[in-house]
N, C-alpha and C. Protein backbone atom coordinates (compact mmCIF):
# COMPACT_ATOMS: atom_id res chain seq x y z
N MET A 1 0.83 -1.19 0.00
CA MET A 1 0.00 0.00 0.00
C MET A 1 0.87 1.24 0.00
N ARG A 2 0.39 2.23 -0.71
CA ARG A 2 1.10 3.49 -0.73
C ARG A 2 0.66 4.33 0.46
N PRO A 3 1.53 5.19 0.94
CA PRO A 3 1.13 6.06 2.03
C PRO A 3 0.00 6.99 1.59
N GLY A 4 -0.97 7.20 2.47
CA GLY A 4 -2.07 8.11 2.19
C GLY A 4 -3.26 7.46 1.51
N THR A 5 -3.18 6.19 1.14
CA THR A 5 -4.34 5.53 0.53
C THR A 5 -5.15 4.86 1.64
N PRO A 6 -6.47 4.87 1.50
CA PRO A 6 -7.31 4.26 2.55
C PRO A 6 -7.15 2.75 2.56
N GLU A 7 -7.32 2.18 3.76
CA GLU A 7 -7.23 0.73 3.89
C GLU A 7 -8.46 0.09 3.27
N ALA A 8 -8.24 -1.07 2.70
CA ALA A 8 -9.37 -1.82 2.14
C ALA A 8 -10.15 -2.45 3.29
N ARG A 9 -11.47 -2.25 3.27
CA ARG A 9 -12.33 -2.85 4.29
C ARG A 9 -12.74 -4.24 3.86
N PRO A 10 -12.84 -5.16 4.83
CA PRO A 10 -13.36 -6.48 4.44
C PRO A 10 -14.82 -6.33 4.01
N ALA A 11 -15.25 -7.16 3.11
CA ALA A 11 -16.63 -7.10 2.61
C ALA A 11 -17.62 -7.37 3.75
N ASP A 12 -18.67 -6.56 3.81
CA ASP A 12 -19.70 -6.77 4.83
C ASP A 12 -20.50 -8.02 4.48
N PRO A 13 -20.74 -8.87 5.49
CA PRO A 13 -21.57 -10.04 5.18
C PRO A 13 -22.99 -9.59 4.84
N GLN A 14 -23.66 -10.35 4.05
CA GLN A 14 -25.02 -10.01 3.65
C GLN A 14 -25.94 -10.12 4.86
N GLU A 15 -26.43 -9.00 5.33
CA GLU A 15 -27.37 -8.99 6.45
C GLU A 15 -28.76 -8.70 5.90
N PRO A 16 -29.77 -9.34 6.47
CA PRO A 16 -31.12 -9.05 5.99
C PRO A 16 -31.51 -7.61 6.28
N LYS A 17 -32.27 -7.02 5.39
CA LYS A 17 -32.73 -5.66 5.60
C LYS A 17 -33.78 -5.65 6.70
N PRO A 18 -33.82 -4.61 7.52
CA PRO A 18 -34.86 -4.55 8.55
C PRO A 18 -36.25 -4.58 7.92
N HIS A 19 -37.12 -5.37 8.47
CA HIS A 19 -38.47 -5.47 7.95
C HIS A 19 -39.43 -5.85 9.08
N ASN A 20 -40.69 -5.61 8.85
CA ASN A 20 -41.72 -5.89 9.85
C ASN A 20 -42.27 -7.29 9.61
N HIS A 21 -42.18 -8.11 10.61
CA HIS A 21 -42.69 -9.47 10.50
C HIS A 21 -44.20 -9.55 10.63
N GLY A 22 -44.78 -8.69 11.40
CA GLY A 22 -46.20 -8.81 11.72
C GLY A 22 -46.37 -9.66 12.96
N ARG A 23 -47.60 -9.86 13.38
CA ARG A 23 -47.88 -10.63 14.58
C ARG A 23 -49.01 -11.61 14.34
N MET A 24 -49.04 -12.63 15.18
CA MET A 24 -50.12 -13.61 15.19
C MET A 24 -50.68 -13.65 16.60
N TYR A 25 -51.95 -14.05 16.72
CA TYR A 25 -52.64 -14.03 18.01
C TYR A 25 -53.37 -15.34 18.24
N ARG A 26 -53.47 -15.76 19.52
CA ARG A 26 -54.24 -16.95 19.86
C ARG A 26 -54.78 -16.84 21.28
N CYS A 27 -55.74 -17.70 21.59
CA CYS A 27 -56.32 -17.76 22.93
C CYS A 27 -55.65 -18.92 23.67
N LYS A 28 -55.30 -18.68 24.94
CA LYS A 28 -54.75 -19.73 25.79
C LYS A 28 -55.71 -19.89 26.96
N MET A 29 -56.15 -21.14 27.24
CA MET A 29 -57.10 -21.41 28.31
C MET A 29 -56.40 -22.23 29.39
N VAL A 30 -56.40 -21.70 30.61
CA VAL A 30 -55.72 -22.36 31.72
C VAL A 30 -56.77 -22.71 32.78
N PRO A 31 -57.17 -24.00 32.87
CA PRO A 31 -58.16 -24.40 33.87
C PRO A 31 -57.54 -24.43 35.27
N PHE A 32 -58.42 -24.38 36.28
CA PHE A 32 -57.95 -24.44 37.67
C PHE A 32 -57.16 -25.72 37.89
N LYS A 33 -57.67 -26.83 37.37
CA LYS A 33 -56.96 -28.12 37.42
C LYS A 33 -56.95 -28.69 36.01
N GLY A 34 -55.83 -29.22 35.61
CA GLY A 34 -55.75 -29.83 34.29
C GLY A 34 -54.73 -29.15 33.39
N ALA A 35 -54.69 -29.62 32.16
CA ALA A 35 -53.69 -29.13 31.20
C ALA A 35 -54.13 -27.85 30.51
N THR A 36 -53.18 -27.01 30.17
CA THR A 36 -53.42 -25.78 29.42
C THR A 36 -53.82 -26.13 27.99
N GLU A 37 -54.83 -25.43 27.47
CA GLU A 37 -55.26 -25.63 26.09
C GLU A 37 -54.95 -24.37 25.29
N TYR A 38 -54.67 -24.55 24.01
CA TYR A 38 -54.35 -23.43 23.13
C TYR A 38 -55.29 -23.43 21.94
N GLY A 39 -55.73 -22.25 21.53
CA GLY A 39 -56.52 -22.10 20.32
C GLY A 39 -55.59 -21.99 19.13
N GLU A 40 -56.18 -21.88 17.95
CA GLU A 40 -55.36 -21.74 16.76
C GLU A 40 -54.84 -20.31 16.63
N TRP A 41 -53.80 -20.12 15.81
CA TRP A 41 -53.23 -18.80 15.58
C TRP A 41 -54.06 -18.04 14.56
N PHE A 42 -54.29 -16.74 14.82
CA PHE A 42 -55.04 -15.87 13.92
C PHE A 42 -54.18 -14.67 13.55
N ALA A 43 -54.57 -13.99 12.49
CA ALA A 43 -53.81 -12.83 12.00
C ALA A 43 -54.13 -11.55 12.77
N THR A 44 -55.32 -11.47 13.39
CA THR A 44 -55.70 -10.25 14.12
C THR A 44 -56.37 -10.61 15.44
N GLU A 45 -56.37 -9.64 16.35
CA GLU A 45 -57.06 -9.83 17.63
C GLU A 45 -58.56 -9.98 17.42
N LEU A 46 -59.10 -9.29 16.43
CA LEU A 46 -60.52 -9.37 16.14
C LEU A 46 -60.93 -10.80 15.78
N GLU A 47 -60.09 -11.51 15.04
CA GLU A 47 -60.39 -12.90 14.70
C GLU A 47 -60.42 -13.78 15.95
N VAL A 48 -59.54 -13.51 16.92
CA VAL A 48 -59.53 -14.25 18.18
C VAL A 48 -60.84 -13.98 18.92
N GLN A 49 -61.25 -12.71 19.00
CA GLN A 49 -62.49 -12.34 19.67
C GLN A 49 -63.69 -13.03 19.03
N THR A 50 -63.72 -13.06 17.71
CA THR A 50 -64.82 -13.69 16.99
C THR A 50 -64.87 -15.19 17.29
N ALA A 51 -63.72 -15.85 17.30
CA ALA A 51 -63.66 -17.28 17.59
C ALA A 51 -64.09 -17.57 19.03
N MET A 52 -63.79 -16.66 19.95
CA MET A 52 -64.14 -16.89 21.36
C MET A 52 -65.61 -16.66 21.65
N ARG A 53 -66.32 -15.96 20.77
CA ARG A 53 -67.76 -15.73 20.99
C ARG A 53 -68.54 -17.04 21.04
N SER A 54 -68.11 -18.01 20.25
CA SER A 54 -68.82 -19.29 20.23
C SER A 54 -68.32 -20.25 21.32
N LEU A 55 -67.32 -19.84 22.07
CA LEU A 55 -66.74 -20.67 23.12
C LEU A 55 -67.57 -20.56 24.40
N VAL A 56 -67.93 -21.70 24.99
CA VAL A 56 -68.63 -21.69 26.28
C VAL A 56 -67.56 -21.66 27.35
N ARG A 57 -67.54 -20.55 28.11
CA ARG A 57 -66.51 -20.39 29.12
C ARG A 57 -66.83 -21.20 30.37
N LYS A 58 -65.80 -21.78 30.95
CA LYS A 58 -65.95 -22.60 32.15
C LYS A 58 -65.52 -21.81 33.38
N LEU A 59 -66.24 -21.98 34.48
CA LEU A 59 -65.87 -21.33 35.74
C LEU A 59 -64.52 -21.86 36.20
N GLY A 60 -63.70 -20.98 36.73
CA GLY A 60 -62.39 -21.38 37.23
C GLY A 60 -61.31 -21.42 36.18
N THR A 61 -61.64 -21.17 34.93
CA THR A 61 -60.65 -21.18 33.84
C THR A 61 -60.26 -19.75 33.50
N ARG A 62 -58.96 -19.51 33.36
CA ARG A 62 -58.47 -18.19 32.94
C ARG A 62 -58.23 -18.23 31.45
N TYR A 63 -58.57 -17.13 30.78
CA TYR A 63 -58.41 -17.02 29.33
C TYR A 63 -57.44 -15.89 29.03
N TYR A 64 -56.44 -16.18 28.21
CA TYR A 64 -55.41 -15.21 27.85
C TYR A 64 -55.38 -15.04 26.33
N CYS A 65 -55.06 -13.84 25.89
CA CYS A 65 -54.77 -13.62 24.48
C CYS A 65 -53.26 -13.46 24.37
N GLU A 66 -52.63 -14.32 23.59
CA GLU A 66 -51.18 -14.28 23.41
C GLU A 66 -50.85 -13.77 22.02
N THR A 67 -49.66 -13.21 21.89
CA THR A 67 -49.17 -12.76 20.60
C THR A 67 -47.73 -13.20 20.42
N ARG A 68 -47.33 -13.34 19.17
CA ARG A 68 -45.92 -13.63 18.84
C ARG A 68 -45.62 -13.05 17.48
N LYS A 69 -44.34 -12.81 17.23
CA LYS A 69 -43.91 -12.29 15.93
C LYS A 69 -43.96 -13.40 14.89
N THR A 70 -44.33 -13.03 13.68
CA THR A 70 -44.27 -13.96 12.56
C THR A 70 -42.83 -13.95 12.06
N THR A 71 -42.28 -15.11 11.78
CA THR A 71 -40.88 -15.17 11.35
C THR A 71 -40.78 -15.48 9.86
N CYS A 72 -39.62 -15.21 9.32
CA CYS A 72 -39.34 -15.53 7.92
C CYS A 72 -38.00 -16.28 7.86
N PRO A 73 -37.69 -16.94 6.75
CA PRO A 73 -36.46 -17.73 6.68
C PRO A 73 -35.18 -16.89 6.79
N GLU A 74 -35.22 -15.60 6.40
CA GLU A 74 -34.00 -14.80 6.38
C GLU A 74 -33.52 -14.37 7.77
N CYS A 75 -34.44 -14.31 8.72
CA CYS A 75 -34.02 -13.88 10.06
C CYS A 75 -34.82 -14.63 11.12
N GLU A 76 -34.26 -14.71 12.27
CA GLU A 76 -34.90 -15.41 13.37
C GLU A 76 -35.26 -14.40 14.44
N ALA A 77 -36.56 -14.27 14.74
CA ALA A 77 -37.01 -13.28 15.71
C ALA A 77 -36.59 -13.66 17.12
N GLY A 78 -36.65 -14.94 17.45
CA GLY A 78 -36.23 -15.39 18.76
C GLY A 78 -37.13 -14.93 19.90
N GLU A 79 -38.29 -14.44 19.58
CA GLU A 79 -39.20 -13.97 20.61
C GLU A 79 -40.29 -15.01 20.83
N GLY A 80 -40.53 -15.34 22.09
CA GLY A 80 -41.58 -16.30 22.40
C GLY A 80 -42.94 -15.62 22.49
N GLU A 81 -43.92 -16.39 22.89
CA GLU A 81 -45.27 -15.86 23.04
C GLU A 81 -45.33 -14.88 24.21
N LYS A 82 -46.23 -13.90 24.11
CA LYS A 82 -46.37 -12.88 25.14
C LYS A 82 -47.85 -12.66 25.37
N VAL A 83 -48.28 -12.69 26.64
CA VAL A 83 -49.69 -12.44 26.99
C VAL A 83 -49.97 -10.94 26.87
N ILE A 84 -51.05 -10.60 26.16
CA ILE A 84 -51.40 -9.18 26.00
C ILE A 84 -52.71 -8.82 26.66
N SER A 85 -53.55 -9.83 26.99
CA SER A 85 -54.78 -9.53 27.73
C SER A 85 -55.26 -10.78 28.46
N VAL A 86 -56.05 -10.55 29.53
CA VAL A 86 -56.55 -11.65 30.36
C VAL A 86 -58.04 -11.46 30.55
N LEU A 87 -58.78 -12.57 30.52
CA LEU A 87 -60.21 -12.55 30.77
C LEU A 87 -60.52 -13.45 31.92
């Protein structure tokens, strides 16, 4: 290298561009005694509410609305489910 010339930088590895994954929602039912049950994943909270309207609620059971990030093959969100509301 000649004096005064900039150093060559190593090539940057291909990193995925920042993007929004979106979210998915589901109902989690936790009875006083027994195993936890999970509903199917929906694209919106409104779809979860609509699905729960036909559900006969049991006394002593807690109902939670959970959310998680939608993932894609290029990146790994690494975020687990998170409770956003309780009934």
